[in-house]
Amino acid sequence: MIAGFVGAWLGYLLLGTWGPVIGGFAVVPAIIGAALFVFLLGSLARAFGKRTV
Protein backbone atom coordinates (compact mmCIF):
# COMPACT_ATOMS: atom_id res chain seq x y z
CA MET A 1 0.00 0.00 0.00
CA ILE A 2 2.87 2.35 0.79
CA ALA A 3 4.39 1.55 -2.61
CA GLY A 4 1.09 2.56 -4.18
CA PHE A 5 1.07 5.94 -2.47
CA VAL A 6 4.72 6.58 -3.28
CA GLY A 7 4.05 5.51 -6.87
CA ALA A 8 1.08 7.85 -7.08
CA TRP A 9 3.23 10.70 -5.82
CA LEU A 10 5.97 9.78 -8.30
CA GLY A 11 3.45 9.58 -11.14
CA TYR A 12 2.07 12.99 -10.21
CA LEU A 13 5.58 14.50 -10.28
CA LEU A 14 6.45 12.91 -13.63
CA LEU A 15 3.12 13.11 -15.47
CA GLY A 16 1.03 15.73 -13.69
CA THR A 17 -2.71 15.36 -13.26
CA TRP A 18 -4.63 14.00 -16.20
CA GLY A 19 -7.30 11.39 -16.54
CA PRO A 20 -9.97 10.67 -13.96
CA VAL A 21 -9.38 11.74 -10.35
CA ILE A 22 -10.56 9.45 -7.55
CA GLY A 23 -9.93 10.28 -3.91
CA GLY A 24 -7.62 13.13 -4.81
CA PHE A 25 -5.37 10.93 -6.97
CA ALA A 26 -5.19 11.11 -10.74
CA VAL A 27 -5.71 7.44 -11.64
CA VAL A 28 -3.58 7.03 -14.79
CA PRO A 29 -0.41 8.73 -13.47
CA ALA A 30 -0.86 6.87 -10.15
CA ILE A 31 -0.97 3.47 -11.88
CA ILE A 32 2.02 4.28 -14.08
CA GLY A 33 3.96 5.69 -11.13
CA ALA A 34 3.19 2.69 -8.92
CA ALA A 35 4.29 0.27 -11.65
CA LEU A 36 7.50 2.24 -12.15
CA PHE A 37 8.21 2.34 -8.41
CA VAL A 38 7.64 -1.41 -8.00
CA PHE A 39 9.89 -2.07 -11.01
CA LEU A 40 12.64 0.07 -9.44
CA LEU A 41 12.29 -1.68 -6.08
CA GLY A 42 12.47 -5.08 -7.77
CA SER A 43 15.56 -4.07 -9.72
CA LEU A 44 17.28 -2.84 -6.57
CA ALA A 45 16.37 -6.02 -4.70
CA ARG A 46 17.79 -8.17 -7.49
CA ALA A 47 20.97 -6.07 -7.65
CA PHE A 48 21.60 -6.32 -3.90
CA GLY A 49 20.52 -9.97 -3.75
CA LYS A 50 23.20 -11.09 -6.20
CA ARG A 51 26.09 -9.64 -4.21
CA THR A 52 28.31 -12.11 -2.44
CA VAL A 53 30.96 -11.22 0.08
C-alpha atoms as a PDB file:
ATOM      1  CA  MET A   1       0.000   0.000   0.000  1.00  0.00           C
ATOM      2  CA  ILE A   2       2.867   2.346   0.786  1.00  0.00           C
ATOM      3  CA  ALA A   3       4.390   1.548  -2.606  1.00  0.00           C
ATOM      4  CA  GLY A   4       1.089   2.556  -4.181  1.00  0.00           C
ATOM      5  CA  PHE A   5       1.070   5.938  -2.473  1.00  0.00           C
ATOM      6  CA  VAL A   6       4.722   6.575  -3.280  1.00  0.00           C
ATOM      7  CA  GLY A   7       4.053   5.515  -6.868  1.00  0.00           C
ATOM      8  CA  ALA A   8       1.079   7.853  -7.080  1.00  0.00           C
ATOM      9  CA  TRP A   9       3.231  10.702  -5.818  1.00  0.00           C
ATOM     10  CA  LEU A  10       5.972   9.776  -8.298  1.00  0.00           C
ATOM     11  CA  GLY A  11       3.447   9.576 -11.141  1.00  0.00           C
ATOM     12  CA  TYR A  12       2.074  12.990 -10.206  1.00  0.00           C
ATOM     13  CA  LEU A  13       5.578  14.496 -10.284  1.00  0.00           C
ATOM     14  CA  LEU A  14       6.448  12.914 -13.629  1.00  0.00           C
ATOM     15  CA  LEU A  15       3.124  13.110 -15.469  1.00  0.00           C
ATOM     16  CA  GLY A  16       1.026  15.733 -13.695  1.00  0.00           C
ATOM     17  CA  THR A  17      -2.713  15.356 -13.261  1.00  0.00           C
ATOM     18  CA  TRP A  18      -4.625  13.996 -16.205  1.00  0.00           C
ATOM     19  CA  GLY A  19      -7.298  11.394 -16.543  1.00  0.00           C
ATOM     20  CA  PRO A  20      -9.965  10.669 -13.962  1.00  0.00           C
ATOM     21  CA  VAL A  21      -9.384  11.738 -10.354  1.00  0.00           C
ATOM     22  CA  ILE A  22     -10.563   9.445  -7.548  1.00  0.00           C
ATOM     23  CA  GLY A  23      -9.930  10.278  -3.908  1.00  0.00           C
ATOM     24  CA  GLY A  24      -7.622  13.132  -4.813  1.00  0.00           C
ATOM     25  CA  PHE A  25      -5.367  10.930  -6.973  1.00  0.00           C
ATOM     26  CA  ALA A  26      -5.189  11.106 -10.745  1.00  0.00           C
ATOM     27  CA  VAL A  27      -5.710   7.443 -11.640  1.00  0.00           C
ATOM     28  CA  VAL A  28      -3.585   7.035 -14.789  1.00  0.00           C
ATOM     29  CA  PRO A  29      -0.413   8.728 -13.473  1.00  0.00           C
ATOM     30  CA  ALA A  30      -0.856   6.873 -10.154  1.00  0.00           C
ATOM     31  CA  ILE A  31      -0.968   3.473 -11.878  1.00  0.00           C
ATOM     32  CA  ILE A  32       2.023   4.278 -14.081  1.00  0.00           C
ATOM     33  CA  GLY A  33       3.965   5.694 -11.128  1.00  0.00           C
ATOM     34  CA  ALA A  34       3.189   2.689  -8.916  1.00  0.00           C
ATOM     35  CA  ALA A  35       4.290   0.275 -11.652  1.00  0.00           C
ATOM     36  CA  LEU A  36       7.505   2.238 -12.153  1.00  0.00           C
ATOM     37  CA  PHE A  37       8.208   2.340  -8.409  1.00  0.00           C
ATOM     38  CA  VAL A  38       7.635  -1.412  -7.998  1.00  0.00           C
ATOM     39  CA  PHE A  39       9.893  -2.070 -11.009  1.00  0.00           C
ATOM     40  CA  LEU A  40      12.643   0.073  -9.439  1.00  0.00           C
ATOM     41  CA  LEU A  41      12.291  -1.678  -6.082  1.00  0.00           C
ATOM     42  CA  GLY A  42      12.467  -5.085  -7.768  1.00  0.00           C
ATOM     43  CA  SER A  43      15.560  -4.068  -9.721  1.00  0.00           C
ATOM     44  CA  LEU A  44      17.280  -2.843  -6.569  1.00  0.00           C
ATOM     45  CA  ALA A  45      16.368  -6.017  -4.698  1.00  0.00           C
ATOM     46  CA  ARG A  46      17.795  -8.165  -7.487  1.00  0.00           C
ATOM     47  CA  ALA A  47      20.973  -6.067  -7.649  1.00  0.00           C
ATOM     48  CA  PHE A  48      21.605  -6.317  -3.899  1.00  0.00           C
ATOM     49  CA  GLY A  49      20.517  -9.966  -3.745  1.00  0.00           C
ATOM     50  CA  LYS A  50      23.202 -11.087  -6.204  1.00  0.00           C
ATOM     51  CA  ARG A  51      26.088  -9.637  -4.210  1.00  0.00           C
ATOM     52  CA  THR A  52      28.312 -12.114  -2.435  1.00  0.00           C
ATOM     53  CA  VAL A  53      30.956 -11.223   0.079  1.00  0.00           C
END
